Amino acid sequence: MKTLAIIPARFASTRFPGKPLVEIQGKSMVQRVYEQASKASLVAAAVVATDDTRIFEHVLQFGGQAMMTDPSHASGTDRCAEVAAHYPDTDYFVNVQGDEPFIQPEQIDLALEPLLRKNQNFSISTLAKAITHGEDIWNPNVVKVVFGHKGQALYFSRSAIPHIRGVEQVQWLQQAVFYKHIGLYAFTRQALLEVSQLEKGRYEQAESLEQLRWLEQGYAIHVGITALETIGIDTPEDLSRLDTLNF
């Protein structure tokens, strides 16, 4: 069994141009993600997939592996699939977001584990965490997920799911457990190459969530539960909030 962690990293970003190279207490964001991914026990190696020579050269400078990819890719998944095509002997791939410097190695392992169980029919796996702040239920930037008792994803949405009928919204968090999606994906080789070829589905177009394309096409997605918080860096304001955190 061979597993590769792929870290898509684009320089161009509407909300935060150049964010993979931004420094966080002496190390770039992409270096922090790379080092965390490399610590996962189920990962044999990590590689940064980028379309920018500045990121490519920076990764090589700190001793990491990187690959230049097509700048026209519409998503990180497509970028990962291009890299996967160059690793024909690798069985599993995990897409680690390049703006998640706080991702923990055990979370990466948790996402990979369901794919390694021969008695389960999952080809894609991801993570979720219980929501503890009520405002997150209504925040469309916090993607929610519901799943069955065996962990199979039923639906992802920017809306509040499930809907608690007959209860005031301020009481919803006391009436049910809501889960937010952690954007970390593990794939079998076949699944990654296949999903990158799929056309956008109606639900993806409505919610702008590519995992809905996979569900609509019948892929079984496992949702693992993590108690660890992750903090994505989407804007310069997100970066400014890190001053109180320890590394």
C-alpha atoms as a PDB file:
ATOM      1  CA  MET A   1       0.000   0.000   0.000  1.00  0.00           C
ATOM      2  CA  LYS A   2       1.344   3.388  -1.033  1.00  0.00           C
ATOM      3  CA  THR A   3      -0.234   6.678   0.004  1.00  0.00           C
ATOM      4  CA  LEU A   4       0.601  10.175  -1.166  1.00  0.00           C
ATOM      5  CA  ALA A   5      -0.526  13.451   0.383  1.00  0.00           C
ATOM      6  CA  ILE A   6      -1.097  16.124  -2.265  1.00  0.00           C
ATOM      7  CA  ILE A   7      -1.267  19.786  -1.265  1.00  0.00           C
ATOM      8  CA  PRO A   8      -2.848  22.012  -3.946  1.00  0.00           C
ATOM      9  CA  ALA A   9      -1.414  25.524  -3.660  1.00  0.00           C
ATOM     10  CA  ARG A  10      -2.394  28.410  -5.941  1.00  0.00           C
ATOM     11  CA  PHE A  11      -0.758  31.832  -5.855  1.00  0.00           C
ATOM     12  CA  ALA A  12      -3.747  33.603  -7.390  1.00  0.00           C
ATOM     13  CA  SER A  13      -6.582  34.128  -4.919  1.00  0.00           C
ATOM     14  CA  THR A  14      -9.306  36.725  -5.074  1.00  0.00           C
ATOM     15  CA  ARG A  15      -9.462  37.194  -1.313  1.00  0.00           C
ATOM     16  CA  PHE A  16      -5.806  36.584  -0.429  1.00  0.00           C
ATOM     17  CA  PRO A  17      -3.272  36.577  -3.303  1.00  0.00           C
ATOM     18  CA  GLY A  18      -0.061  34.727  -2.513  1.00  0.00           C
ATOM     19  CA  LYS A  19      -1.338  33.176   0.703  1.00  0.00           C
ATOM     20  CA  PRO A  20       0.645  29.883   0.409  1.00  0.00           C
ATOM     21  CA  LEU A  21       3.813  31.951   0.841  1.00  0.00           C
ATOM     22  CA  VAL A  22       2.633  34.114   3.720  1.00  0.00           C
ATOM     23  CA  GLU A  23       4.830  33.720   6.792  1.00  0.00           C
ATOM     24  CA  ILE A  24       3.411  32.329  10.034  1.00  0.00           C
ATOM     25  CA  GLN A  25       5.949  32.639  12.841  1.00  0.00           C
ATOM     26  CA  GLY A  26       8.982  31.988  10.698  1.00  0.00           C
ATOM     27  CA  LYS A  27       7.584  29.460   8.240  1.00  0.00           C
ATOM     28  CA  SER A  28       5.398  29.841   5.183  1.00  0.00           C
ATOM     29  CA  MET A  29       1.857  28.509   5.275  1.00  0.00           C
ATOM     30  CA  VAL A  30       2.585  25.904   2.623  1.00  0.00           C
ATOM     31  CA  GLN A  31       5.637  24.675   4.521  1.00  0.00           C
ATOM     32  CA  ARG A  32       3.568  24.235   7.685  1.00  0.00           C
ATOM     33  CA  VAL A  33       0.937  22.239   5.784  1.00  0.00           C
ATOM     34  CA  TYR A  34       3.636  20.138   4.107  1.00  0.00           C
ATOM     35  CA  GLU A  35       5.317  19.318   7.406  1.00  0.00           C
ATOM     36  CA  GLN A  36       2.033  18.365   9.076  1.00  0.00           C
ATOM     37  CA  ALA A  37       1.046  16.118   6.173  1.00  0.00           C
ATOM     38  CA  SER A  38       4.447  14.436   6.182  1.00  0.00           C
ATOM     39  CA  LYS A  39       4.009  13.472   9.849  1.00  0.00           C
ATOM     40  CA  ALA A  40       0.887  11.362   9.190  1.00  0.00           C
ATOM     41  CA  SER A  41       1.737   7.718   9.856  1.00  0.00           C
ATOM     42  CA  LEU A  42      -0.276   6.442   6.874  1.00  0.00           C
ATOM     43  CA  VAL A  43       1.362   8.839   4.400  1.00  0.00           C
ATOM     44  CA  ALA A  44       4.492   7.694   2.593  1.00  0.00           C
ATOM     45  CA  ALA A  45       5.280  11.091   1.064  1.00  0.00           C
ATOM     46  CA  ALA A  46       3.859  14.539   0.372  1.00  0.00           C
ATOM     47  CA  VAL A  47       3.978  16.764  -2.699  1.00  0.00           C
ATOM     48  CA  VAL A  48       2.796  20.317  -3.339  1.00  0.00           C
ATOM     49  CA  ALA A  49       0.784  20.718  -6.552  1.00  0.00           C
ATOM     50  CA  THR A  50       1.046  24.285  -7.817  1.00  0.00           C
ATOM     51  CA  ASP A  51       0.684  26.387 -10.943  1.00  0.00           C
ATOM     52  CA  ASP A  52       3.143  29.067  -9.846  1.00  0.00           C
ATOM     53  CA  THR A  53       6.946  28.952 -10.073  1.00  0.00           C
ATOM     54  CA  ARG A  54       7.330  31.036  -6.900  1.00  0.00           C
ATOM     55  CA  ILE A  55       5.571  28.396  -4.833  1.00  0.00           C
ATOM     56  CA  PHE A  56       7.351  25.581  -6.670  1.00  0.00           C
ATOM     57  CA  GLU A  57      10.805  27.049  -6.011  1.00  0.00           C
ATOM     58  CA  HIS A  58       9.969  27.869  -2.401  1.00  0.00           C
ATOM     59  CA  VAL A  59       8.948  24.269  -1.674  1.00  0.00           C
ATOM     60  CA  LEU A  60      12.185  22.966  -3.150  1.00  0.00           C
ATOM     61  CA  GLN A  61      14.131  25.473  -1.050  1.00  0.00           C
ATOM     62  CA  PHE A  62      12.760  24.125   2.241  1.00  0.00           C
ATOM     63  CA  GLY A  63      13.438  20.546   1.090  1.00  0.00           C
ATOM     64  CA  GLY A  64       9.951  19.533   0.000  1.00  0.00           C
ATOM     65  CA  GLN A  65       8.624  17.920  -3.151  1.00  0.00           C
ATOM     66  CA  ALA A  66       6.576  19.920  -5.652  1.00  0.00           C
ATOM     67  CA  MET A  67       5.061  19.517  -9.087  1.00  0.00           C
ATOM     68  CA  MET A  68       3.959  22.146 -11.587  1.00  0.00           C
ATOM     69  CA  THR A  69       0.384  21.598 -12.750  1.00  0.00           C
ATOM     70  CA  ASP A  70      -1.969  23.053 -15.354  1.00  0.00           C
ATOM     71  CA  PRO A  71      -3.111  26.577 -14.350  1.00  0.00           C
ATOM     72  CA  SER A  72      -6.527  25.999 -15.927  1.00  0.00           C
ATOM     73  CA  HIS A  73      -7.680  23.483 -13.298  1.00  0.00           C
ATOM     74  CA  ALA A  74     -11.041  24.456 -11.814  1.00  0.00           C
ATOM     75  CA  SER A  75     -10.453  22.824  -8.426  1.00  0.00           C
ATOM     76  CA  GLY A  76      -7.847  21.374  -6.114  1.00  0.00           C
ATOM     77  CA  THR A  77      -9.245  17.921  -6.846  1.00  0.00           C
ATOM     78  CA  ASP A  78      -8.449  18.338 -10.544  1.00  0.00           C
ATOM     79  CA  ARG A  79      -4.938  19.451  -9.630  1.00  0.00           C
ATOM     80  CA  CYS A  80      -4.548  16.369  -7.418  1.00  0.00           C
ATOM     81  CA  ALA A  81      -5.715  14.101 -10.242  1.00  0.00           C
ATOM     82  CA  GLU A  82      -3.014  15.480 -12.541  1.00  0.00           C
ATOM     83  CA  VAL A  83      -0.389  14.650  -9.921  1.00  0.00           C
ATOM     84  CA  ALA A  84      -1.888  11.194  -9.319  1.00  0.00           C
ATOM     85  CA  ALA A  85      -1.433  10.342 -12.983  1.00  0.00           C
ATOM     86  CA  HIS A  86       2.329  10.630 -12.434  1.00  0.00           C
ATOM     87  CA  TYR A  87       2.245   8.117  -9.554  1.00  0.00           C
ATOM     88  CA  PRO A  88       0.885   4.909 -11.140  1.00  0.00           C
ATOM     89  CA  ASP A  89       2.093   2.716  -8.279  1.00  0.00           C
ATOM     90  CA  THR A  90       0.335   4.734  -5.564  1.00  0.00           C
ATOM     91  CA  ASP A  91      -2.920   3.249  -4.222  1.00  0.00           C
ATOM     92  CA  TYR A  92      -4.355   6.106  -2.157  1.00  0.00           C
ATOM     93  CA  PHE A  93      -4.195   9.881  -2.288  1.00  0.00           C
ATOM     94  CA  VAL A  94      -5.224  12.481   0.267  1.00  0.00           C
ATOM     95  CA  ASN A  95      -6.003  16.063  -0.732  1.00  0.00           C
ATOM     96  CA  VAL A  96      -4.727  18.303   2.072  1.00  0.00           C
ATOM     97  CA  GLN A  97      -5.862  21.908   1.702  1.00  0.00           C
ATOM     98  CA  GLY A  98      -2.950  24.295   1.240  1.00  0.00           C
ATOM     99  CA  ASP A  99      -4.506  26.893   3.544  1.00  0.00           C
ATOM    100  CA  GLU A 100      -4.869  24.594   6.582  1.00  0.00           C
ATOM    101  CA  PRO A 101      -1.624  25.131   8.550  1.00  0.00           C
ATOM    102  CA  PHE A 102      -3.257  23.653  11.661  1.00  0.00           C
ATOM    103  CA  ILE A 103      -4.249  20.311  10.148  1.00  0.00           C
ATOM    104  CA  GLN A 104      -3.130  17.503  12.444  1.00  0.00           C
ATOM    105  CA  PRO A 105      -1.393  14.321  11.225  1.00  0.00           C
ATOM    106  CA  GLU A 106      -3.935  12.164  13.078  1.00  0.00           C
ATOM    107  CA  GLN A 107      -6.744  13.822  11.112  1.00  0.00           C
ATOM    108  CA  ILE A 108      -5.093  12.814   7.859  1.00  0.00           C
ATOM    109  CA  ASP A 109      -4.764   9.246   9.144  1.00  0.00           C
ATOM    110  CA  LEU A 110      -8.411   9.297  10.247  1.00  0.00           C
ATOM    111  CA  ALA A 111      -9.506  10.240   6.734  1.00  0.00           C
ATOM    112  CA  LEU A 112      -7.426   7.464   5.170  1.00  0.00           C
ATOM    113  CA  GLU A 113      -8.370   4.626   7.516  1.00  0.00           C
ATOM    114  CA  PRO A 114     -11.851   3.823   6.070  1.00  0.00           C
ATOM    115  CA  LEU A 115     -10.364   3.282   2.617  1.00  0.00           C
ATOM    116  CA  LEU A 116      -7.973   0.682   4.002  1.00  0.00           C
ATOM    117  CA  ARG A 117     -10.721  -1.465   5.519  1.00  0.00           C
ATOM    118  CA  LYS A 118     -11.407  -4.220   3.028  1.00  0.00           C
ATOM    119  CA  ASN A 119     -14.907  -4.882   4.392  1.00  0.00           C
ATOM    120  CA  GLN A 120     -16.200  -1.384   3.576  1.00  0.00           C
ATOM    121  CA  ASN A 121     -17.175  -0.103   0.164  1.00  0.00           C
ATOM    122  CA  PHE A 122     -15.835   3.452   0.362  1.00  0.00           C
ATOM    123  CA  SER A 123     -13.671   5.046  -2.296  1.00  0.00           C
ATOM    124  CA  ILE A 124     -13.710   8.605  -0.876  1.00  0.00           C
ATOM    125  CA  SER A 125     -13.384   9.691   2.736  1.00  0.00           C
ATOM    126  CA  THR A 126     -13.551  13.017   4.555  1.00  0.00           C
ATOM    127  CA  LEU A 127     -14.004  14.448   8.068  1.00  0.00           C
ATOM    128  CA  ALA A 128     -16.538  16.397  10.107  1.00  0.00           C
ATOM    129  CA  LYS A 129     -16.611  18.030  13.522  1.00  0.00           C
ATOM    130  CA  ALA A 130     -19.540  18.737  15.807  1.00  0.00           C
ATOM    131  CA  ILE A 131     -20.562  22.396  15.744  1.00  0.00           C
ATOM    132  CA  THR A 132     -20.261  24.107  19.109  1.00  0.00           C
ATOM    133  CA  HIS A 133     -21.113  27.685  18.151  1.00  0.00           C
ATOM    134  CA  GLY A 134     -24.717  28.301  17.158  1.00  0.00           C
ATOM    135  CA  GLU A 135     -23.854  30.996  14.629  1.00  0.00           C
ATOM    136  CA  ASP A 136     -21.965  28.426  12.541  1.00  0.00           C
ATOM    137  CA  ILE A 137     -25.248  26.646  11.797  1.00  0.00           C
ATOM    138  CA  TRP A 138     -26.414  29.663   9.793  1.00  0.00           C
ATOM    139  CA  ASN A 139     -23.080  30.655   8.266  1.00  0.00           C
ATOM    140  CA  PRO A 140     -23.084  29.631   4.560  1.00  0.00           C
ATOM    141  CA  ASN A 141     -19.284  29.540   4.610  1.00  0.00           C
ATOM    142  CA  VAL A 142     -19.459  26.723   7.169  1.00  0.00           C
ATOM    143  CA  VAL A 143     -20.483  23.643   5.180  1.00  0.00           C
ATOM    144  CA  LYS A 144     -22.727  21.225   7.054  1.00  0.00           C
ATOM    145  CA  VAL A 145     -22.969  17.477   6.503  1.00  0.00           C
ATOM    146  CA  VAL A 146     -25.393  14.716   7.512  1.00  0.00           C
ATOM    147  CA  PHE A 147     -24.491  11.037   7.363  1.00  0.00           C
ATOM    148  CA  GLY A 148     -25.858   7.569   8.125  1.00  0.00           C
ATOM    149  CA  HIS A 149     -25.056   5.327  11.078  1.00  0.00           C
ATOM    150  CA  LYS A 150     -22.231   3.627   9.148  1.00  0.00           C
ATOM    151  CA  GLY A 151     -20.672   6.998   8.376  1.00  0.00           C
ATOM    152  CA  GLN A 152     -21.827   7.299   4.781  1.00  0.00           C
ATOM    153  CA  ALA A 153     -22.475  10.886   3.714  1.00  0.00           C
ATOM    154  CA  LEU A 154     -26.087  11.670   2.845  1.00  0.00           C
ATOM    155  CA  TYR A 155     -25.739  15.348   1.913  1.00  0.00           C
ATOM    156  CA  PHE A 156     -23.534  18.418   2.286  1.00  0.00           C
ATOM    157  CA  SER A 157     -25.035  21.908   2.404  1.00  0.00           C
ATOM    158  CA  ARG A 158     -24.345  25.538   3.133  1.00  0.00           C
ATOM    159  CA  SER A 159     -27.769  25.619   4.768  1.00  0.00           C
ATOM    160  CA  ALA A 160     -28.603  24.312   8.233  1.00  0.00           C
ATOM    161  CA  ILE A 161     -29.163  20.553   8.073  1.00  0.00           C
ATOM    162  CA  PRO A 162     -31.080  18.927   9.587  1.00  0.00           C
ATOM    163  CA  HIS A 163     -34.014  21.342   9.917  1.00  0.00           C
ATOM    164  CA  ILE A 164     -35.512  21.168  13.426  1.00  0.00           C
ATOM    165  CA  ARG A 165     -39.244  21.527  12.933  1.00  0.00           C
ATOM    166  CA  GLY A 166     -41.323  23.338  15.543  1.00  0.00           C
ATOM    167  CA  VAL A 167     -38.319  24.624  17.512  1.00  0.00           C
ATOM    168  CA  GLU A 168     -37.060  28.197  17.690  1.00  0.00           C
ATOM    169  CA  GLN A 169     -33.776  28.535  15.815  1.00  0.00           C
ATOM    170  CA  VAL A 170     -31.937  29.757  18.904  1.00  0.00           C
ATOM    171  CA  GLN A 171     -32.641  26.355  20.463  1.00  0.00           C
ATOM    172  CA  TRP A 172     -31.527  24.191  17.557  1.00  0.00           C
ATOM    173  CA  LEU A 173     -28.046  23.488  18.896  1.00  0.00           C
ATOM    174  CA  GLN A 174     -29.619  22.139  22.088  1.00  0.00           C
ATOM    175  CA  GLN A 175     -31.998  19.889  20.157  1.00  0.00           C
ATOM    176  CA  ALA A 176     -29.626  18.138  17.737  1.00  0.00           C
ATOM    177  CA  VAL A 177     -25.975  17.626  16.864  1.00  0.00           C
ATOM    178  CA  PHE A 178     -24.889  19.557  13.788  1.00  0.00           C
ATOM    179  CA  TYR A 179     -21.650  18.721  11.987  1.00  0.00           C
ATOM    180  CA  LYS A 180     -19.433  21.003   9.954  1.00  0.00           C
ATOM    181  CA  HIS A 181     -17.439  19.542   7.114  1.00  0.00           C
ATOM    182  CA  ILE A 182     -13.643  19.532   7.331  1.00  0.00           C
ATOM    183  CA  GLY A 183     -12.367  19.883   3.752  1.00  0.00           C
ATOM    184  CA  LEU A 184      -9.893  17.011   3.762  1.00  0.00           C
ATOM    185  CA  TYR A 185     -10.417  14.237   1.184  1.00  0.00           C
ATOM    186  CA  ALA A 186      -8.862  10.798   0.828  1.00  0.00           C
ATOM    187  CA  PHE A 187      -9.377   8.864  -2.411  1.00  0.00           C
ATOM    188  CA  THR A 188      -8.605   5.531  -3.904  1.00  0.00           C
ATOM    189  CA  ARG A 189      -6.565   5.992  -7.044  1.00  0.00           C
ATOM    190  CA  GLN A 190      -9.479   5.002  -9.286  1.00  0.00           C
ATOM    191  CA  ALA A 191     -11.958   7.322  -7.581  1.00  0.00           C
ATOM    192  CA  LEU A 192      -9.670  10.370  -7.803  1.00  0.00           C
ATOM    193  CA  LEU A 193      -9.035   9.872 -11.507  1.00  0.00           C
ATOM    194  CA  GLU A 194     -12.737   9.265 -12.161  1.00  0.00           C
ATOM    195  CA  VAL A 195     -14.228  12.210 -10.256  1.00  0.00           C
ATOM    196  CA  SER A 196     -11.907  14.653 -11.998  1.00  0.00           C
ATOM    197  CA  GLN A 197     -13.606  13.710 -15.269  1.00  0.00           C
ATOM    198  CA  LEU A 198     -17.200  14.199 -14.101  1.00  0.00           C
ATOM    199  CA  GLU A 199     -19.373  17.029 -15.322  1.00  0.00           C
ATOM    200  CA  LYS A 200     -20.832  19.416 -12.751  1.00  0.00           C
ATOM    201  CA  GLY A 201     -24.114  18.227 -11.289  1.00  0.00           C
ATOM    202  CA  ARG A 202     -27.254  20.213 -10.452  1.00  0.00           C
ATOM    203  CA  TYR A 203     -26.632  20.193  -6.698  1.00  0.00           C
ATOM    204  CA  GLU A 204     -23.019  21.281  -7.082  1.00  0.00           C
ATOM    205  CA  GLN A 205     -24.111  24.153  -9.273  1.00  0.00           C
ATOM    206  CA  ALA A 206     -26.702  25.204  -6.710  1.00  0.00           C
ATOM    207  CA  GLU A 207     -24.437  25.074  -3.641  1.00  0.00           C
ATOM    208  CA  SER A 208     -20.968  25.392  -5.195  1.00  0.00           C
ATOM    209  CA  LEU A 209     -19.770  22.220  -3.440  1.00  0.00           C
ATOM    210  CA  GLU A 210     -17.925  19.747  -5.659  1.00  0.00           C
ATOM    211  CA  GLN A 211     -18.511  16.802  -3.298  1.00  0.00           C
ATOM    212  CA  LEU A 212     -22.196  16.976  -4.247  1.00  0.00           C
ATOM    213  CA  ARG A 213     -21.159  16.020  -7.787  1.00  0.00           C
ATOM    214  CA  TRP A 214     -19.648  12.820  -6.409  1.00  0.00           C
ATOM    215  CA  LEU A 215     -22.710  11.991  -4.318  1.00  0.00           C
ATOM    216  CA  GLU A 216     -25.000  12.617  -7.263  1.00  0.00           C
ATOM    217  CA  GLN A 217     -22.932  10.190  -9.337  1.00  0.00           C
ATOM    218  CA  GLY A 218     -23.258   7.480  -6.683  1.00  0.00           C
ATOM    219  CA  TYR A 219     -19.881   7.560  -4.937  1.00  0.00           C
ATOM    220  CA  ALA A 220     -19.961   6.422  -1.314  1.00  0.00           C
ATOM    221  CA  ILE A 221     -18.214   9.044   0.841  1.00  0.00           C
ATOM    222  CA  HIS A 222     -17.241   8.112   4.393  1.00  0.00           C
ATOM    223  CA  VAL A 223     -17.422  10.837   7.054  1.00  0.00           C
ATOM    224  CA  GLY A 224     -15.079  10.392  10.012  1.00  0.00           C
ATOM    225  CA  ILE A 225     -15.617  12.390  13.190  1.00  0.00           C
ATOM    226  CA  THR A 226     -12.778  14.483  14.564  1.00  0.00           C
ATOM    227  CA  ALA A 227     -12.784  16.401  17.837  1.00  0.00           C
ATOM    228  CA  LEU A 228      -9.896  18.573  16.679  1.00  0.00           C
ATOM    229  CA  GLU A 229     -10.574  22.060  15.401  1.00  0.00           C
ATOM    230  CA  THR A 230      -9.074  23.283  12.144  1.00  0.00           C
ATOM    231  CA  ILE A 231      -8.587  26.879  11.113  1.00  0.00           C
ATOM    232  CA  GLY A 232      -8.454  27.696   7.423  1.00  0.00           C
ATOM    233  CA  ILE A 233      -6.767  30.901   6.300  1.00  0.00           C
ATOM    234  CA  ASP A 234      -8.971  32.454   3.618  1.00  0.00           C
ATOM    235  CA  THR A 235      -8.314  36.157   4.130  1.00  0.00           C
ATOM    236  CA  PRO A 236      -5.670  38.478   5.620  1.00  0.00           C
ATOM    237  CA  GLU A 237      -8.101  39.005   8.516  1.00  0.00           C
ATOM    238  CA  ASP A 238      -7.957  35.287   9.300  1.00  0.00           C
ATOM    239  CA  LEU A 239      -4.179  35.569   9.494  1.00  0.00           C
ATOM    240  CA  SER A 240      -4.351  38.480  11.911  1.00  0.00           C
ATOM    241  CA  ARG A 241      -6.333  36.348  14.368  1.00  0.00           C
ATOM    242  CA  LEU A 242      -3.484  33.860  14.771  1.00  0.00           C
ATOM    243  CA  ASP A 243      -1.498  36.039  17.180  1.00  0.00           C
ATOM    244  CA  THR A 244      -3.083  34.377  20.213  1.00  0.00           C
ATOM    245  CA  LEU A 245      -2.432  30.825  18.998  1.00  0.00           C
ATOM    246  CA  ASN A 246       0.588  28.663  19.799  1.00  0.00           C
ATOM    247  CA  PHE A 247       2.352  26.359  17.345  1.00  0.00           C
END
